[in-house]
PDB file of all heavy atoms in Angstrom:
ATOM      1  N   GLU A   1      54.740 -19.994 -96.259  1.00  0.00           N
ATOM      2  CA  GLU A   1      53.507 -19.601 -95.590  1.00  0.00           C
ATOM      3  C   GLU A   1      53.550 -18.106 -95.373  1.00  0.00           C
ATOM      4  O   GLU A   1      54.589 -17.526 -95.058  1.00  0.00           O
ATOM      5  CB  GLU A   1      53.388 -20.331 -94.257  1.00  0.00           C
ATOM      6  CG  GLU A   1      53.274 -21.820 -94.440  1.00  0.00           C
ATOM      7  CD  GLU A   1      52.530 -22.480 -93.294  1.00  0.00           C
ATOM      8  OE1 GLU A   1      52.029 -21.770 -92.434  1.00  0.00           O
ATOM      9  OE2 GLU A   1      52.487 -23.688 -93.301  1.00  0.00           O
ATOM     10  N   TYR A   2      52.389 -17.477 -95.529  1.00  0.00           N
ATOM     11  CA  TYR A   2      52.330 -16.033 -95.368  1.00  0.00           C
ATOM     12  C   TYR A   2      50.935 -15.632 -94.953  1.00  0.00           C
ATOM     13  O   TYR A   2      50.001 -16.406 -95.024  1.00  0.00           O
ATOM     14  CB  TYR A   2      52.725 -15.332 -96.670  1.00  0.00           C
ATOM     15  CG  TYR A   2      51.739 -15.560 -97.786  1.00  0.00           C
ATOM     16  CD1 TYR A   2      50.755 -14.622 -98.074  1.00  0.00           C
ATOM     17  CD2 TYR A   2      51.779 -16.738 -98.536  1.00  0.00           C
ATOM     18  CE1 TYR A   2      49.840 -14.851 -99.092  1.00  0.00           C
ATOM     19  CE2 TYR A   2      50.875 -16.967 -99.548  1.00  0.00           C
ATOM     20  CZ  TYR A   2      49.912 -16.025 -99.827  1.00  0.00           C
ATOM     21  OH  TYR A   2      49.021 -16.232-100.827  1.00  0.00           O
ATOM     22  N   THR A   3      50.832 -14.380 -94.524  1.00  0.00           N
ATOM     23  CA  THR A   3      49.525 -13.821 -94.219  1.00  0.00           C
ATOM     24  C   THR A   3      49.224 -12.742 -95.233  1.00  0.00           C
ATOM     25  O   THR A   3      50.134 -12.178 -95.850  1.00  0.00           O
ATOM     26  CB  THR A   3      49.513 -13.189 -92.806  1.00  0.00           C
ATOM     27  OG1 THR A   3      50.411 -12.093 -92.807  1.00  0.00           O
ATOM     28  CG2 THR A   3      49.900 -14.196 -91.747  1.00  0.00           C
ATOM     29  N   THR A   4      47.953 -12.417 -95.418  1.00  0.00           N
ATOM     30  CA  THR A   4      47.599 -11.382 -96.392  1.00  0.00           C
ATOM     31  C   THR A   4      48.056 -10.005 -95.930  1.00  0.00           C
ATOM     32  O   THR A   4      48.192  -9.104 -96.737  1.00  0.00           O
ATOM     33  CB  THR A   4      46.080 -11.362 -96.637  1.00  0.00           C
ATOM     34  OG1 THR A   4      45.415 -11.204 -95.391  1.00  0.00           O
ATOM     35  CG2 THR A   4      45.625 -12.615 -97.325  1.00  0.00           C
ATOM     36  N   GLU A   5      48.337  -9.833 -94.644  1.00  0.00           N
ATOM     37  CA  GLU A   5      48.814  -8.544 -94.155  1.00  0.00           C
ATOM     38  C   GLU A   5      50.277  -8.307 -94.515  1.00  0.00           C
ATOM     39  O   GLU A   5      50.737  -7.186 -94.539  1.00  0.00           O
ATOM     40  CB  GLU A   5      48.675  -8.435 -92.633  1.00  0.00           C
ATOM     41  CG  GLU A   5      47.254  -8.388 -92.129  1.00  0.00           C
ATOM     42  CD  GLU A   5      46.637  -9.770 -91.959  1.00  0.00           C
ATOM     43  OE1 GLU A   5      47.356 -10.723 -91.624  1.00  0.00           O
ATOM     44  OE2 GLU A   5      45.427  -9.894 -92.196  1.00  0.00           O
ATOM     45  N   ASP A   6      51.043  -9.376 -94.750  1.00  0.00           N
ATOM     46  CA  ASP A   6      52.469  -9.202 -94.990  1.00  0.00           C
ATOM     47  C   ASP A   6      52.929 -10.030 -96.174  1.00  0.00           C
ATOM     48  O   ASP A   6      53.500 -11.090 -96.024  1.00  0.00           O
ATOM     49  CB  ASP A   6      53.272  -9.574 -93.742  1.00  0.00           C
ATOM     50  CG  ASP A   6      54.745  -9.272 -93.889  1.00  0.00           C
ATOM     51  OD1 ASP A   6      55.107  -8.481 -94.778  1.00  0.00           O
ATOM     52  OD2 ASP A   6      55.540  -9.838 -93.127  1.00  0.00           O
ATOM     53  N   ASN A   7      52.682  -9.526 -97.380  1.00  0.00           N
ATOM     54  CA  ASN A   7      53.127 -10.211 -98.580  1.00  0.00           C
ATOM     55  C   ASN A   7      54.592  -9.944 -98.880  1.00  0.00           C
ATOM     56  O   ASN A   7      55.153 -10.571 -99.763  1.00  0.00           O
ATOM     57  CB  ASN A   7      52.288  -9.788 -99.779  1.00  0.00           C
ATOM     58  CG  ASN A   7      50.916 -10.422 -99.747  1.00  0.00           C
ATOM     59  OD1 ASN A   7      50.736 -11.477 -99.151  1.00  0.00           O
ATOM     60  ND2 ASN A   7      49.958  -9.783-100.375  1.00  0.00           N
ATOM     61  N   SER A   8      55.220  -9.018 -98.146  1.00  0.00           N
ATOM     62  CA  SER A   8      56.610  -8.698 -98.427  1.00  0.00           C
ATOM     63  C   SER A   8      57.504  -9.912 -98.212  1.00  0.00           C
ATOM     64  O   SER A   8      58.524 -10.060 -98.884  1.00  0.00           O
ATOM     65  CB  SER A   8      57.083  -7.527 -97.575  1.00  0.00           C
ATOM     66  OG  SER A   8      57.025  -7.851 -96.206  1.00  0.00           O
ATOM     67  N   PHE A   9      57.115 -10.816 -97.310  1.00  0.00           N
ATOM     68  CA  PHE A   9      57.889 -12.030 -97.083  1.00  0.00           C
ATOM     69  C   PHE A   9      57.967 -12.856 -98.362  1.00  0.00           C
ATOM     70  O   PHE A   9      59.021 -13.348 -98.739  1.00  0.00           O
ATOM     71  CB  PHE A   9      57.263 -12.859 -95.943  1.00  0.00           C
ATOM     72  CG  PHE A   9      57.958 -14.172 -95.708  1.00  0.00           C
ATOM     73  CD1 PHE A   9      59.198 -14.204 -95.113  1.00  0.00           C
ATOM     74  CD2 PHE A   9      57.366 -15.365 -96.094  1.00  0.00           C
ATOM     75  CE1 PHE A   9      59.857 -15.414 -94.907  1.00  0.00           C
ATOM     76  CE2 PHE A   9      58.002 -16.571 -95.889  1.00  0.00           C
ATOM     77  CZ  PHE A   9      59.255 -16.589 -95.292  1.00  0.00           C
ATOM     78  N   ILE A  10      56.856 -12.991 -99.048  1.00  0.00           N
ATOM     79  CA  ILE A  10      56.817 -13.748-100.298  1.00  0.00           C
ATOM     80  C   ILE A  10      57.706 -13.086-101.332  1.00  0.00           C
ATOM     81  O   ILE A  10      58.501 -13.751-101.995  1.00  0.00           O
ATOM     82  CB  ILE A  10      55.382 -13.837-100.847  1.00  0.00           C
ATOM     83  CG1 ILE A  10      54.565 -14.738 -99.969  1.00  0.00           C
ATOM     84  CG2 ILE A  10      55.363 -14.346-102.276  1.00  0.00           C
ATOM     85  CD1 ILE A  10      53.121 -14.767-100.351  1.00  0.00           C
ATOM     86  N   TYR A  11      57.580 -11.774-101.483  1.00  0.00           N
ATOM     87  CA  TYR A  11      58.383 -11.076-102.479  1.00  0.00           C
ATOM     88  C   TYR A  11      59.869 -11.207-102.159  1.00  0.00           C
ATOM     89  O   TYR A  11      60.677 -11.413-103.060  1.00  0.00           O
ATOM     90  CB  TYR A  11      57.989  -9.601-102.558  1.00  0.00           C
ATOM     91  CG  TYR A  11      56.552  -9.367-102.922  1.00  0.00           C
ATOM     92  CD1 TYR A  11      55.779  -8.456-102.226  1.00  0.00           C
ATOM     93  CD2 TYR A  11      55.948 -10.067-103.966  1.00  0.00           C
ATOM     94  CE1 TYR A  11      54.449  -8.238-102.562  1.00  0.00           C
ATOM     95  CE2 TYR A  11      54.627  -9.856-104.301  1.00  0.00           C
ATOM     96  CZ  TYR A  11      53.882  -8.947-103.596  1.00  0.00           C
ATOM     97  OH  TYR A  11      52.578  -8.738-103.929  1.00  0.00           O
ATOM     98  N   ASP A  12      60.225 -11.078-100.883  1.00  0.00           N
ATOM     99  CA  ASP A  12      61.631 -11.243-100.490  1.00  0.00           C
ATOM    100  C   ASP A  12      62.139 -12.626-100.872  1.00  0.00           C
ATOM    101  O   ASP A  12      63.223 -12.762-101.427  1.00  0.00           O
ATOM    102  CB  ASP A  12      61.796 -11.050 -98.976  1.00  0.00           C
ATOM    103  CG  ASP A  12      61.673  -9.601 -98.541  1.00  0.00           C
ATOM    104  OD1 ASP A  12      61.815  -8.708 -99.405  1.00  0.00           O
ATOM    105  OD2 ASP A  12      61.410  -9.365 -97.349  1.00  0.00           O
ATOM    106  N   GLU A  13      61.358 -13.652-100.576  1.00  0.00           N
ATOM    107  CA  GLU A  13      61.772 -15.025-100.875  1.00  0.00           C
ATOM    108  C   GLU A  13      61.883 -15.255-102.373  1.00  0.00           C
ATOM    109  O   GLU A  13      62.836 -15.882-102.839  1.00  0.00           O
ATOM    110  CB  GLU A  13      60.793 -16.035-100.261  1.00  0.00           C
ATOM    111  CG  GLU A  13      60.899 -16.148 -98.758  1.00  0.00           C
ATOM    112  CD  GLU A  13      62.287 -16.576 -98.296  1.00  0.00           C
ATOM    113  OE1 GLU A  13      62.823 -17.565 -98.827  1.00  0.00           O
ATOM    114  OE2 GLU A  13      62.840 -15.905 -97.402  1.00  0.00           O
ATOM    115  N   ILE A  14      60.938 -14.759-103.133  1.00  0.00           N
ATOM    116  CA  ILE A  14      60.968 -14.927-104.586  1.00  0.00           C
ATOM    117  C   ILE A  14      62.188 -14.215-105.166  1.00  0.00           C
ATOM    118  O   ILE A  14      62.898 -14.771-106.012  1.00  0.00           O
ATOM    119  CB  ILE A  14      59.653 -14.428-105.229  1.00  0.00           C
ATOM    120  CG1 ILE A  14      58.516 -15.395-104.885  1.00  0.00           C
ATOM    121  CG2 ILE A  14      59.798 -14.270-106.728  1.00  0.00           C
ATOM    122  CD1 ILE A  14      57.143 -14.914-105.300  1.00  0.00           C
ATOM    123  N   LEU A  15      62.458 -12.992-104.705  1.00  0.00           N
ATOM    124  CA  LEU A  15      63.626 -12.271-105.215  1.00  0.00           C
ATOM    125  C   LEU A  15      64.929 -12.933-104.791  1.00  0.00           C
ATOM    126  O   LEU A  15      65.888 -12.969-105.567  1.00  0.00           O
ATOM    127  CB  LEU A  15      63.593 -10.810-104.783  1.00  0.00           C
ATOM    128  CG  LEU A  15      62.657  -9.939-105.622  1.00  0.00           C
ATOM    129  CD1 LEU A  15      62.568  -8.542-105.059  1.00  0.00           C
ATOM    130  CD2 LEU A  15      63.084  -9.896-107.068  1.00  0.00           C
ATOM    131  N   LYS A  16      64.975 -13.500-103.591  1.00  0.00           N
ATOM    132  CA  LYS A  16      66.181 -14.231-103.166  1.00  0.00           C
ATOM    133  C   LYS A  16      66.432 -15.412-104.090  1.00  0.00           C
ATOM    134  O   LYS A  16      67.564 -15.659-104.507  1.00  0.00           O
ATOM    135  CB  LYS A  16      66.035 -14.722-101.722  1.00  0.00           C
ATOM    136  CG  LYS A  16      66.292 -13.685-100.687  1.00  0.00           C
ATOM    137  CD  LYS A  16      66.152 -14.268 -99.288  1.00  0.00           C
ATOM    138  CE  LYS A  16      66.092 -13.184 -98.260  1.00  0.00           C
ATOM    139  NZ  LYS A  16      65.794 -13.694 -96.911  1.00  0.00           N
ATOM    140  N   LEU A  17      65.365 -16.141-104.420  1.00  0.00           N
ATOM    141  CA  LEU A  17      65.518 -17.271-105.336  1.00  0.00           C
ATOM    142  C   LEU A  17      65.955 -16.791-106.715  1.00  0.00           C
ATOM    143  O   LEU A  17      66.782 -17.428-107.374  1.00  0.00           O
ATOM    144  CB  LEU A  17      64.210 -18.060-105.426  1.00  0.00           C
ATOM    145  CG  LEU A  17      63.798 -18.799-104.148  1.00  0.00           C
ATOM    146  CD1 LEU A  17      62.378 -19.354-104.281  1.00  0.00           C
ATOM    147  CD2 LEU A  17      64.780 -19.912-103.817  1.00  0.00           C
ATOM    148  N   GLY A  18      65.413 -15.661-107.159  1.00  0.00           N
ATOM    149  CA  GLY A  18      65.820 -15.086-108.438  1.00  0.00           C
ATOM    150  C   GLY A  18      67.279 -14.667-108.424  1.00  0.00           C
ATOM    151  O   GLY A  18      68.026 -14.928-109.381  1.00  0.00           O
ATOM    152  N   LEU A  19      67.715 -14.031-107.338  1.00  0.00           N
ATOM    153  CA  LEU A  19      69.120 -13.629-107.213  1.00  0.00           C
ATOM    154  C   LEU A  19      70.037 -14.852-107.137  1.00  0.00           C
ATOM    155  O   LEU A  19      71.142 -14.842-107.687  1.00  0.00           O
ATOM    156  CB  LEU A  19      69.316 -12.736-105.989  1.00  0.00           C
ATOM    157  CG  LEU A  19      68.757 -11.322-106.115  1.00  0.00           C
ATOM    158  CD1 LEU A  19      68.831 -10.594-104.774  1.00  0.00           C
ATOM    159  CD2 LEU A  19      69.474 -10.537-107.193  1.00  0.00           C
ATOM    160  N   ASN A  20      69.572 -15.908-106.475  1.00  0.00           N
ATOM    161  CA  ASN A  20      70.355 -17.143-106.431  1.00  0.00           C
ATOM    162  C   ASN A  20      70.553 -17.715-107.827  1.00  0.00           C
ATOM    163  O   ASN A  20      71.624 -18.251-108.146  1.00  0.00           O
ATOM    164  CB  ASN A  20      69.691 -18.189-105.530  1.00  0.00           C
ATOM    165  CG  ASN A  20      69.786 -17.841-104.065  1.00  0.00           C
ATOM    166  OD1 ASN A  20      70.589 -16.996-103.665  1.00  0.00           O
ATOM    167  ND2 ASN A  20      68.955 -18.457-103.258  1.00  0.00           N
ATOM    168  N   SER A  21      69.522 -17.608-108.677  1.00  0.00           N
ATOM    169  CA  SER A  21      69.663 -18.117-110.045  1.00  0.00           C
ATOM    170  C   SER A  21      70.670 -17.288-110.840  1.00  0.00           C
ATOM    171  O   SER A  21      71.404 -17.830-111.668  1.00  0.00           O
ATOM    172  CB  SER A  21      68.304 -18.176-110.755  1.00  0.00           C
ATOM    173  OG  SER A  21      67.865 -16.900-111.127  1.00  0.00           O
ATOM    174  N   ILE A  22      70.730 -15.982-110.571  1.00  0.00           N
ATOM    175  CA  ILE A  22      71.741 -15.139-111.222  1.00  0.00           C
ATOM    176  C   ILE A  22      73.134 -15.547-110.762  1.00  0.00           C
ATOM    177  O   ILE A  22      74.045 -15.709-111.576  1.00  0.00           O
ATOM    178  CB  ILE A  22      71.500 -13.637-110.918  1.00  0.00           C
ATOM    179  CG1 ILE A  22      70.282 -13.145-111.679  1.00  0.00           C
ATOM    180  CG2 ILE A  22      72.723 -12.799-111.280  1.00  0.00           C
ATOM    181  CD1 ILE A  22      69.935 -11.709-111.396  1.00  0.00           C
ATOM    182  N   GLN A  23      73.294 -15.728-109.450  1.00  0.00           N
ATOM    183  CA  GLN A  23      74.600 -16.122-108.915  1.00  0.00           C
ATOM    184  C   GLN A  23      75.040 -17.451-109.513  1.00  0.00           C
ATOM    185  O   GLN A  23      76.202 -17.632-109.888  1.00  0.00           O
ATOM    186  CB  GLN A  23      74.542 -16.227-107.385  1.00  0.00           C
ATOM    187  CG  GLN A  23      75.882 -16.529-106.733  1.00  0.00           C
ATOM    188  CD  GLN A  23      76.857 -15.375-106.866  1.00  0.00           C
ATOM    189  OE1 GLN A  23      76.585 -14.286-106.400  1.00  0.00           O
ATOM    190  NE2 GLN A  23      77.993 -15.604-107.510  1.00  0.00           N
ATOM    191  N   GLU A  24      74.106 -18.383-109.621  1.00  0.00           N
ATOM    192  CA  GLU A  24      74.420 -19.694-110.201  1.00  0.00           C
ATOM    193  C   GLU A  24      74.856 -19.555-111.661  1.00  0.00           C
ATOM    194  O   GLU A  24      75.828 -20.177-112.090  1.00  0.00           O
ATOM    195  CB  GLU A  24      73.206 -20.613-110.098  1.00  0.00           C
ATOM    196  CG  GLU A  24      73.455 -21.999-110.646  1.00  0.00           C
ATOM    197  CD  GLU A  24      72.219 -22.877-110.565  1.00  0.00           C
ATOM    198  OE1 GLU A  24      71.320 -22.599-109.747  1.00  0.00           O
ATOM    199  OE2 GLU A  24      72.161 -23.840-111.347  1.00  0.00           O
ATOM    200  N   LYS A  25      74.159 -18.733-112.422  1.00  0.00           N
ATOM    201  CA  LYS A  25      74.506 -18.513-113.833  1.00  0.00           C
ATOM    202  C   LYS A  25      75.895 -17.892-113.950  1.00  0.00           C
ATOM    203  O   LYS A  25      76.687 -18.294-114.811  1.00  0.00           O
ATOM    204  CB  LYS A  25      73.452 -17.604-114.481  1.00  0.00           C
ATOM    205  CG  LYS A  25      73.586 -17.455-115.945  1.00  0.00           C
ATOM    206  CD  LYS A  25      73.013 -18.642-116.647  1.00  0.00           C
ATOM    207  CE  LYS A  25      72.838 -18.323-118.126  1.00  0.00           C
ATOM    208  NZ  LYS A  25      72.471 -19.494-118.874  1.00  0.00           N
ATOM    209  N   ILE A  26      76.191 -16.946-113.076  1.00  0.00           N
ATOM    210  CA  ILE A  26      77.517 -16.320-113.085  1.00  0.00           C
ATOM    211  C   ILE A  26      78.579 -17.352-112.751  1.00  0.00           C
ATOM    212  O   ILE A  26      79.603 -17.453-113.435  1.00  0.00           O
ATOM    213  CB  ILE A  26      77.568 -15.129-112.100  1.00  0.00           C
ATOM    214  CG1 ILE A  26      76.741 -13.961-112.652  1.00  0.00           C
ATOM    215  CG2 ILE A  26      79.011 -14.694-111.850  1.00  0.00           C
ATOM    216  CD1 ILE A  26      76.571 -12.803-111.679  1.00  0.00           C
ATOM    217  N   ASP A  27      78.328 -18.143-111.696  1.00  0.00           N
ATOM    218  CA  ASP A  27      79.312 -19.125-111.236  1.00  0.00           C
ATOM    219  C   ASP A  27      79.519 -20.283-112.207  1.00  0.00           C
ATOM    220  O   ASP A  27      80.625 -20.820-112.301  1.00  0.00           O
ATOM    221  CB  ASP A  27      78.904 -19.686-109.870  1.00  0.00           C
ATOM    222  CG  ASP A  27      79.001 -18.648-108.765  1.00  0.00           C
ATOM    223  OD1 ASP A  27      79.691 -17.617-108.959  1.00  0.00           O
ATOM    224  OD2 ASP A  27      78.368 -18.847-107.706  1.00  0.00           O
ATOM    225  N   THR A  28      78.446 -20.689-112.891  1.00  0.00           N
ATOM    226  CA  THR A  28      78.553 -21.868-113.754  1.00  0.00           C
ATOM    227  C   THR A  28      78.806 -21.552-115.228  1.00  0.00           C
ATOM    228  O   THR A  28      79.206 -22.434-115.984  1.00  0.00           O
ATOM    229  CB  THR A  28      77.291 -22.743-113.656  1.00  0.00           C
ATOM    230  OG1 THR A  28      76.155 -21.983-114.100  1.00  0.00           O
ATOM    231  CG2 THR A  28      77.087 -23.243-112.246  1.00  0.00           C
ATOM    232  N   PHE A  29      78.562 -20.314-115.635  1.00  0.00           N
ATOM    233  CA  PHE A  29      78.753 -19.990-117.047  1.00  0.00           C
ATOM    234  C   PHE A  29      79.716 -18.821-117.264  1.00  0.00           C
ATOM    235  O   PHE A  29      80.710 -18.955-117.972  1.00  0.00           O
ATOM    236  CB  PHE A  29      77.402 -19.677-117.715  1.00  0.00           C
ATOM    237  CG  PHE A  29      77.533 -19.315-119.165  1.00  0.00           C
ATOM    238  CD1 PHE A  29      77.786 -20.281-120.112  1.00  0.00           C
ATOM    239  CD2 PHE A  29      77.433 -17.989-119.570  1.00  0.00           C
ATOM    240  CE1 PHE A  29      77.937 -19.936-121.459  1.00  0.00           C
ATOM    241  CE2 PHE A  29      77.576 -17.640-120.913  1.00  0.00           C
ATOM    242  CZ  PHE A  29      77.828 -18.616-121.857  1.00  0.00           C
ATOM    243  N   TYR A  30      79.428 -17.683-116.666  1.00  0.00           N
ATOM    244  CA  TYR A  30      80.185 -16.478-116.992  1.00  0.00           C
ATOM    245  C   TYR A  30      81.623 -16.506-116.467  1.00  0.00           C
ATOM    246  O   TYR A  30      82.541 -16.099-117.187  1.00  0.00           O
ATOM    247  CB  TYR A  30      79.447 -15.226-116.501  1.00  0.00           C
ATOM    248  CG  TYR A  30      78.232 -14.919-117.344  1.00  0.00           C
ATOM    249  CD1 TYR A  30      76.952 -15.239-116.908  1.00  0.00           C
ATOM    250  CD2 TYR A  30      78.364 -14.340-118.594  1.00  0.00           C
ATOM    251  CE1 TYR A  30      75.842 -14.978-117.694  1.00  0.00           C
ATOM    252  CE2 TYR A  30      77.266 -14.067-119.387  1.00  0.00           C
ATOM    253  CZ  TYR A  30      76.000 -14.395-118.933  1.00  0.00           C
ATOM    254  OH  TYR A  30      74.904 -14.141-119.720  1.00  0.00           O
ATOM    255  N   ILE A  31      81.844 -16.970-115.255  1.00  0.00           N
ATOM    256  CA  ILE A  31      83.217 -17.035-114.722  1.00  0.00           C
ATOM    257  C   ILE A  31      84.010 -18.149-115.408  1.00  0.00           C
ATOM    258  O   ILE A  31      85.120 -17.902-115.896  1.00  0.00           O
ATOM    259  CB  ILE A  31      83.224 -17.174-113.184  1.00  0.00           C
ATOM    260  CG1 ILE A  31      82.712 -15.875-112.552  1.00  0.00           C
ATOM    261  CG2 ILE A  31      84.633 -17.485-112.683  1.00  0.00           C
ATOM    262  CD1 ILE A  31      82.554 -15.928-111.035  1.00  0.00           C
ATOM    263  N   PRO A  32      83.487 -19.392-115.476  1.00  0.00           N
ATOM    264  CA  PRO A  32      84.271 -20.462-116.131  1.00  0.00           C
ATOM    265  C   PRO A  32      84.606 -20.172-117.602  1.00  0.00           C
ATOM    266  O   PRO A  32      85.655 -20.585-118.088  1.00  0.00           O
ATOM    267  CB  PRO A  32      83.381 -21.698-116.034  1.00  0.00           C
ATOM    268  CG  PRO A  32      82.436 -21.419-114.933  1.00  0.00           C
ATOM    269  CD  PRO A  32      82.251 -19.939-114.906  1.00  0.00           C
ATOM    270  N   ASN A  33      83.728 -19.475-118.292  1.00  0.00           N
ATOM    271  CA  ASN A  33      83.981 -19.148-119.700  1.00  0.00           C
ATOM    272  C   ASN A  33      84.696 -17.811-119.873  1.00  0.00           C
ATOM    273  O   ASN A  33      84.762 -17.281-120.988  1.00  0.00           O
ATOM    274  CB  ASN A  33      82.664 -19.144-120.480  1.00  0.00           C
ATOM    275  CG  ASN A  33      82.098 -20.540-120.611  1.00  0.00           C
ATOM    276  OD1 ASN A  33      82.812 -21.472-120.944  1.00  0.00           O
ATOM    277  ND2 ASN A  33      80.816 -20.689-120.326  1.00  0.00           N
ATOM    278  N   GLU A  34      85.184 -17.263-118.759  1.00  0.00           N
ATOM    279  CA  GLU A  34      85.959 -16.019-118.728  1.00  0.00           C
ATOM    280  C   GLU A  34      85.241 -14.842-119.381  1.00  0.00           C
ATOM    281  O   GLU A  34      85.840 -13.979-119.999  1.00  0.00           O
ATOM    282  CB  GLU A  34      87.338 -16.250-119.360  1.00  0.00           C
ATOM    283  CG  GLU A  34      88.149 -17.281-118.609  1.00  0.00           C
ATOM    284  CD  GLU A  34      89.507 -17.545-119.236  1.00  0.00           C
ATOM    285  OE1 GLU A  34      89.837 -16.947-120.285  1.00  0.00           O
ATOM    286  OE2 GLU A  34      90.238 -18.365-118.659  1.00  0.00           O
ATOM    287  N   ARG A  35      83.923 -14.829-119.199  1.00  0.00           N
ATOM    288  CA  ARG A  35      83.136 -13.680-119.668  1.00  0.00           C
ATOM    289  C   ARG A  35      83.192 -12.545-118.648  1.00  0.00           C
ATOM    290  O   ARG A  35      83.035 -11.388-119.017  1.00  0.00           O
ATOM    291  CB  ARG A  35      81.678 -14.080-119.894  1.00  0.00           C
ATOM    292  CG  ARG A  35      81.487 -15.195-120.877  1.00  0.00           C
ATOM    293  CD  ARG A  35      81.216 -14.650-122.267  1.00  0.00           C
ATOM    294  NE  ARG A  35      81.156 -15.696-123.247  1.00  0.00           N
ATOM    295  CZ  ARG A  35      80.061 -16.067-123.868  1.00  0.00           C
ATOM    296  NH1 ARG A  35      78.922 -15.481-123.606  1.00  0.00           N
ATOM    297  NH2 ARG A  35      80.107 -17.017-124.767  1.00  0.00           N
ATOM    298  N   VAL A  36      83.356 -12.914-117.355  1.00  0.00           N
ATOM    299  CA  VAL A  36      83.547 -11.929-116.285  1.00  0.00           C
ATOM    300  C   VAL A  36      84.585 -12.456-115.310  1.00  0.00           C
ATOM    301  O   VAL A  36      84.773 -13.670-115.178  1.00  0.00           O
ATOM    302  CB  VAL A  36      82.234 -11.606-115.513  1.00  0.00           C
ATOM    303  CG1 VAL A  36      81.203 -10.976-116.410  1.00  0.00           C
ATOM    304  CG2 VAL A  36      81.684 -12.824-114.828  1.00  0.00           C
ATOM    305  N   THR A  37      85.241 -11.514-114.640  1.00  0.00           N
ATOM    306  CA  THR A  37      86.180 -11.896-113.586  1.00  0.00           C
ATOM    307  C   THR A  37      85.412 -12.078-112.280  1.00  0.00           C
ATOM    308  O   THR A  37      84.233 -11.707-112.192  1.00  0.00           O
ATOM    309  CB  THR A  37      87.234 -10.791-113.384  1.00  0.00           C
ATOM    310  OG1 THR A  37      86.566  -9.616-112.901  1.00  0.00           O
ATOM    311  CG2 THR A  37      87.984 -10.493-114.672  1.00  0.00           C
ATOM    312  N   LYS A  38      86.080 -12.605-111.270  1.00  0.00           N
ATOM    313  CA  LYS A  38      85.415 -12.754-109.969  1.00  0.00           C
ATOM    314  C   LYS A  38      85.059 -11.391-109.382  1.00  0.00           C
ATOM    315  O   LYS A  38      84.009 -11.237-108.766  1.00  0.00           O
ATOM    316  CB  LYS A  38      86.287 -13.560-109.012  1.00  0.00           C
ATOM    317  CG  LYS A  38      86.354 -15.014-109.389  1.00  0.00           C
ATOM    318  CD  LYS A  38      87.062 -15.850-108.360  1.00  0.00           C
ATOM    319  CE  LYS A  38      87.055 -17.290-108.856  1.00  0.00           C
ATOM    320  NZ  LYS A  38      87.383 -18.236-107.834  1.00  0.00           N
ATOM    321  N   ASP A  39      85.915 -10.400-109.581  1.00  0.00           N
ATOM    322  CA  ASP A  39      85.613  -9.046-109.100  1.00  0.00           C
ATOM    323  C   ASP A  39      84.398  -8.473-109.823  1.00  0.00           C
ATOM    324  O   ASP A  39      83.520  -7.866-109.203  1.00  0.00           O
ATOM    325  CB  ASP A  39      86.814  -8.118-109.286  1.00  0.00           C
ATOM    326  CG  ASP A  39      87.960  -8.436-108.333  1.00  0.00           C
ATOM    327  OD1 ASP A  39      87.711  -9.081-107.285  1.00  0.00           O
ATOM    328  OD2 ASP A  39      89.100  -8.046-108.644  1.00  0.00           O
ATOM    329  N   ASP A  40      84.352  -8.663-111.132  1.00  0.00           N
ATOM    330  CA  ASP A  40      83.195  -8.197-111.899  1.00  0.00           C
ATOM    331  C   ASP A  40      81.932  -8.934-111.478  1.00  0.00           C
ATOM    332  O   ASP A  40      80.850  -8.347-111.441  1.00  0.00           O
ATOM    333  CB  ASP A  40      83.422  -8.373-113.401  1.00  0.00           C
ATOM    334  CG  ASP A  40      84.366  -7.324-113.971  1.00  0.00           C
ATOM    335  OD1 ASP A  40      84.583  -6.295-113.299  1.00  0.00           O
ATOM    336  OD2 ASP A  40      84.867  -7.540-115.092  1.00  0.00           O
ATOM    337  N   ALA A  41      82.072 -10.223-111.151  1.00  0.00           N
ATOM    338  CA  ALA A  41      80.912 -11.005-110.715  1.00  0.00           C
ATOM    339  C   ALA A  41      80.334 -10.419-109.429  1.00  0.00           C
ATOM    340  O   ALA A  41      79.110 -10.296-109.295  1.00  0.00           O
ATOM    341  CB  ALA A  41      81.306 -12.465-110.506  1.00  0.00           C
ATOM    342  N   GLU A  42      81.193 -10.026-108.502  1.00  0.00           N
ATOM    343  CA  GLU A  42      80.720  -9.403-107.258  1.00  0.00           C
ATOM    344  C   GLU A  42      80.031  -8.074-107.550  1.00  0.00           C
ATOM    345  O   GLU A  42      78.989  -7.760-106.971  1.00  0.00           O
ATOM    346  CB  GLU A  42      81.890  -9.187-106.290  1.00  0.00           C
ATOM    347  CG  GLU A  42      82.383 -10.454-105.643  1.00  0.00           C
ATOM    348  CD  GLU A  42      83.526 -10.190-104.676  1.00  0.00           C
ATOM    349  OE1 GLU A  42      83.519  -9.130-104.011  1.00  0.00           O
ATOM    350  OE2 GLU A  42      84.422 -11.050-104.599  1.00  0.00           O
ATOM    351  N   LEU A  43      80.610  -7.308-108.452  1.00  0.00           N
ATOM    352  CA  LEU A  43      80.031  -6.024-108.855  1.00  0.00           C
ATOM    353  C   LEU A  43      78.650  -6.236-109.472  1.00  0.00           C
ATOM    354  O   LEU A  43      77.686  -5.534-109.146  1.00  0.00           O
ATOM    355  CB  LEU A  43      80.971  -5.336-109.850  1.00  0.00           C
ATOM    356  CG  LEU A  43      80.534  -4.003-110.416  1.00  0.00           C
ATOM    357  CD1 LEU A  43      80.467  -2.948-109.322  1.00  0.00           C
ATOM    358  CD2 LEU A  43      81.509  -3.572-111.514  1.00  0.00           C
ATOM    359  N   LEU A  44      78.529  -7.217-110.339  1.00  0.00           N
ATOM    360  CA  LEU A  44      77.239  -7.526-110.974  1.00  0.00           C
ATOM    361  C   LEU A  44      76.204  -7.945-109.929  1.00  0.00           C
ATOM    362  O   LEU A  44      75.055  -7.500-109.973  1.00  0.00           O
ATOM    363  CB  LEU A  44      77.401  -8.624-112.025  1.00  0.00           C
ATOM    364  CG  LEU A  44      78.193  -8.239-113.277  1.00  0.00           C
ATOM    365  CD1 LEU A  44      78.452  -9.473-114.135  1.00  0.00           C
ATOM    366  CD2 LEU A  44      77.476  -7.171-114.072  1.00  0.00           C
TER     367      LEU A  44
END
């Protein structure tokens, strides 16, 4: 839920969900397949 005066809440939530999808991809693909280390994952 949002108001037209404050759309930043929506953008924050959408970007959080987008960042969560990146974290999931790193955790489920890149780290297990040794494409990145855990330190590199934090850096990314």
